[in-house]
C-alpha atoms as a PDB file:
ATOM      1  CA  UNK A   1       0.000   0.000   0.000  1.00  0.00           C
ATOM      2  CA  UNK A   2       1.189   3.566  -0.674  1.00  0.00           C
ATOM      3  CA  UNK A   3       0.839   5.769   2.395  1.00  0.00           C
ATOM      4  CA  UNK A   4       1.424   9.532   2.622  1.00  0.00           C
ATOM      5  CA  UNK A   5       2.146  11.198   5.951  1.00  0.00           C
ATOM      6  CA  UNK A   6       1.874  14.994   6.060  1.00  0.00           C
ATOM      7  CA  UNK A   7       3.410  16.770   9.041  1.00  0.00           C
ATOM      8  CA  UNK A   8       5.034  20.069   9.954  1.00  0.00           C
ATOM      9  CA  UNK A   9       7.356  18.383  12.434  1.00  0.00           C
ATOM     10  CA  UNK A  10       9.595  15.405  11.663  1.00  0.00           C
ATOM     11  CA  UNK A  11      13.008  13.956  12.465  1.00  0.00           C
ATOM     12  CA  UNK A  12      15.535  15.357  13.464  1.00  0.00           C
ATOM     13  CA  UNK A  13      13.208  17.522  15.552  1.00  0.00           C
ATOM     14  CA  UNK A  14      12.681  16.075  19.005  1.00  0.00           C
ATOM     15  CA  UNK A  15       9.060  16.035  20.114  1.00  0.00           C
ATOM     16  CA  UNK A  16       6.199  13.584  20.402  1.00  0.00           C
ATOM     17  CA  UNK A  17       4.723  14.181  16.945  1.00  0.00           C
ATOM     18  CA  UNK A  18       8.075  13.987  15.146  1.00  0.00           C
ATOM     19  CA  UNK A  19       8.989  10.780  16.981  1.00  0.00           C
ATOM     20  CA  UNK A  20       5.569   9.215  16.369  1.00  0.00           C
ATOM     21  CA  UNK A  21       5.611   9.949  12.636  1.00  0.00           C
ATOM     22  CA  UNK A  22       9.187   8.644  12.337  1.00  0.00           C
ATOM     23  CA  UNK A  23       8.307   5.411  14.178  1.00  0.00           C
ATOM     24  CA  UNK A  24       5.089   4.981  12.174  1.00  0.00           C
ATOM     25  CA  UNK A  25       7.010   5.344   8.894  1.00  0.00           C
ATOM     26  CA  UNK A  26       9.656   2.855  10.034  1.00  0.00           C
ATOM     27  CA  UNK A  27       7.155   0.240  11.224  1.00  0.00           C
ATOM     28  CA  UNK A  28       4.930   0.501   8.144  1.00  0.00           C
ATOM     29  CA  UNK A  29       7.982   0.095   5.878  1.00  0.00           C
ATOM     30  CA  UNK A  30       9.091  -2.961   7.823  1.00  0.00           C
ATOM     31  CA  UNK A  31       5.820  -4.715   6.998  1.00  0.00           C
ATOM     32  CA  UNK A  32       6.131  -3.861   3.316  1.00  0.00           C
ATOM     33  CA  UNK A  33       4.286  -0.583   2.729  1.00  0.00           C
ATOM     34  CA  UNK A  34       5.623   2.333   0.676  1.00  0.00           C
ATOM     35  CA  UNK A  35       5.561   5.336   3.014  1.00  0.00           C
ATOM     36  CA  UNK A  36       6.103   8.906   1.869  1.00  0.00           C
ATOM     37  CA  UNK A  37       6.590  11.735   4.361  1.00  0.00           C
ATOM     38  CA  UNK A  38       5.853  15.312   3.327  1.00  0.00           C
ATOM     39  CA  UNK A  39       7.258  17.772   5.830  1.00  0.00           C
ATOM     40  CA  UNK A  40       9.066  21.065   6.259  1.00  0.00           C
ATOM     41  CA  UNK A  41      12.735  21.886   5.913  1.00  0.00           C
ATOM     42  CA  UNK A  42      14.489  21.591   9.238  1.00  0.00           C
ATOM     43  CA  UNK A  43      17.959  22.868  10.125  1.00  0.00           C
ATOM     44  CA  UNK A  44      20.222  19.869  10.653  1.00  0.00           C
ATOM     45  CA  UNK A  45      18.055  17.441   8.651  1.00  0.00           C
ATOM     46  CA  UNK A  46      19.859  14.952   6.406  1.00  0.00           C
ATOM     47  CA  UNK A  47      20.220  16.132   2.819  1.00  0.00           C
ATOM     48  CA  UNK A  48      18.635  12.935   1.466  1.00  0.00           C
ATOM     49  CA  UNK A  49      16.142  10.653   3.178  1.00  0.00           C
ATOM     50  CA  UNK A  50      14.340   7.790   1.458  1.00  0.00           C
ATOM     51  CA  UNK A  51      10.788   8.893   0.537  1.00  0.00           C
ATOM     52  CA  UNK A  52      10.960  12.058   2.649  1.00  0.00           C
ATOM     53  CA  UNK A  53      10.096  15.260   0.820  1.00  0.00           C
ATOM     54  CA  UNK A  54      10.774  18.573   2.502  1.00  0.00           C
ATOM     55  CA  UNK A  55       9.103  21.795   1.453  1.00  0.00           C
ATOM     56  CA  UNK A  56      10.438  25.276   2.207  1.00  0.00           C
ATOM     57  CA  UNK A  57       9.494  26.592   5.630  1.00  0.00           C
ATOM     58  CA  UNK A  58       9.857  29.635   7.817  1.00  0.00           C
ATOM     59  CA  UNK A  59      10.317  29.881  11.583  1.00  0.00           C
ATOM     60  CA  UNK A  60       7.050  30.476  13.407  1.00  0.00           C
ATOM     61  CA  UNK A  61       6.877  33.968  14.897  1.00  0.00           C
ATOM     62  CA  UNK A  62       5.182  32.900  18.134  1.00  0.00           C
ATOM     63  CA  UNK A  63       6.964  29.595  18.772  1.00  0.00           C
ATOM     64  CA  UNK A  64      10.521  29.865  17.479  1.00  0.00           C
ATOM     65  CA  UNK A  65      11.329  26.146  17.632  1.00  0.00           C
ATOM     66  CA  UNK A  66       8.444  25.420  15.221  1.00  0.00           C
ATOM     67  CA  UNK A  67       8.434  25.964  11.475  1.00  0.00           C
ATOM     68  CA  UNK A  68       5.544  26.755   9.158  1.00  0.00           C
ATOM     69  CA  UNK A  69       5.624  25.034   5.787  1.00  0.00           C
ATOM     70  CA  UNK A  70       4.805  26.576   2.452  1.00  0.00           C
ATOM     71  CA  UNK A  71       3.112  23.391   1.334  1.00  0.00           C
ATOM     72  CA  UNK A  72       1.986  24.105  -2.220  1.00  0.00           C
ATOM     73  CA  UNK A  73       4.821  22.998  -4.455  1.00  0.00           C
ATOM     74  CA  UNK A  74       3.903  22.059  -8.057  1.00  0.00           C
ATOM     75  CA  UNK A  75       6.491  19.229  -8.253  1.00  0.00           C
ATOM     76  CA  UNK A  76       5.241  17.661  -5.024  1.00  0.00           C
ATOM     77  CA  UNK A  77       1.608  18.106  -6.057  1.00  0.00           C
ATOM     78  CA  UNK A  78       2.385  16.152  -9.227  1.00  0.00           C
ATOM     79  CA  UNK A  79       4.211  13.432  -7.258  1.00  0.00           C
ATOM     80  CA  UNK A  80       1.310  13.086  -4.816  1.00  0.00           C
ATOM     81  CA  UNK A  81      -1.205  12.912  -7.652  1.00  0.00           C
ATOM     82  CA  UNK A  82       0.757  10.132  -9.363  1.00  0.00           C
END
């Protein structure tokens, strides 16, 4: 099965949501699913991650450790559609 996970927080960020999405991706892949994560750019993130697509983001004004993604990207929209 092809599964898409959309989140504004993902590894290497350290918080409950980021950890949960990372573990969910890992476990679903282990049982044979194709998992695609769509998330924001994060300082310190690996340059390449299998099936992880990062969209440009900006720091949140109110909560500086959070980032807000600019999620509409034509290339990613095409990939998701396919």
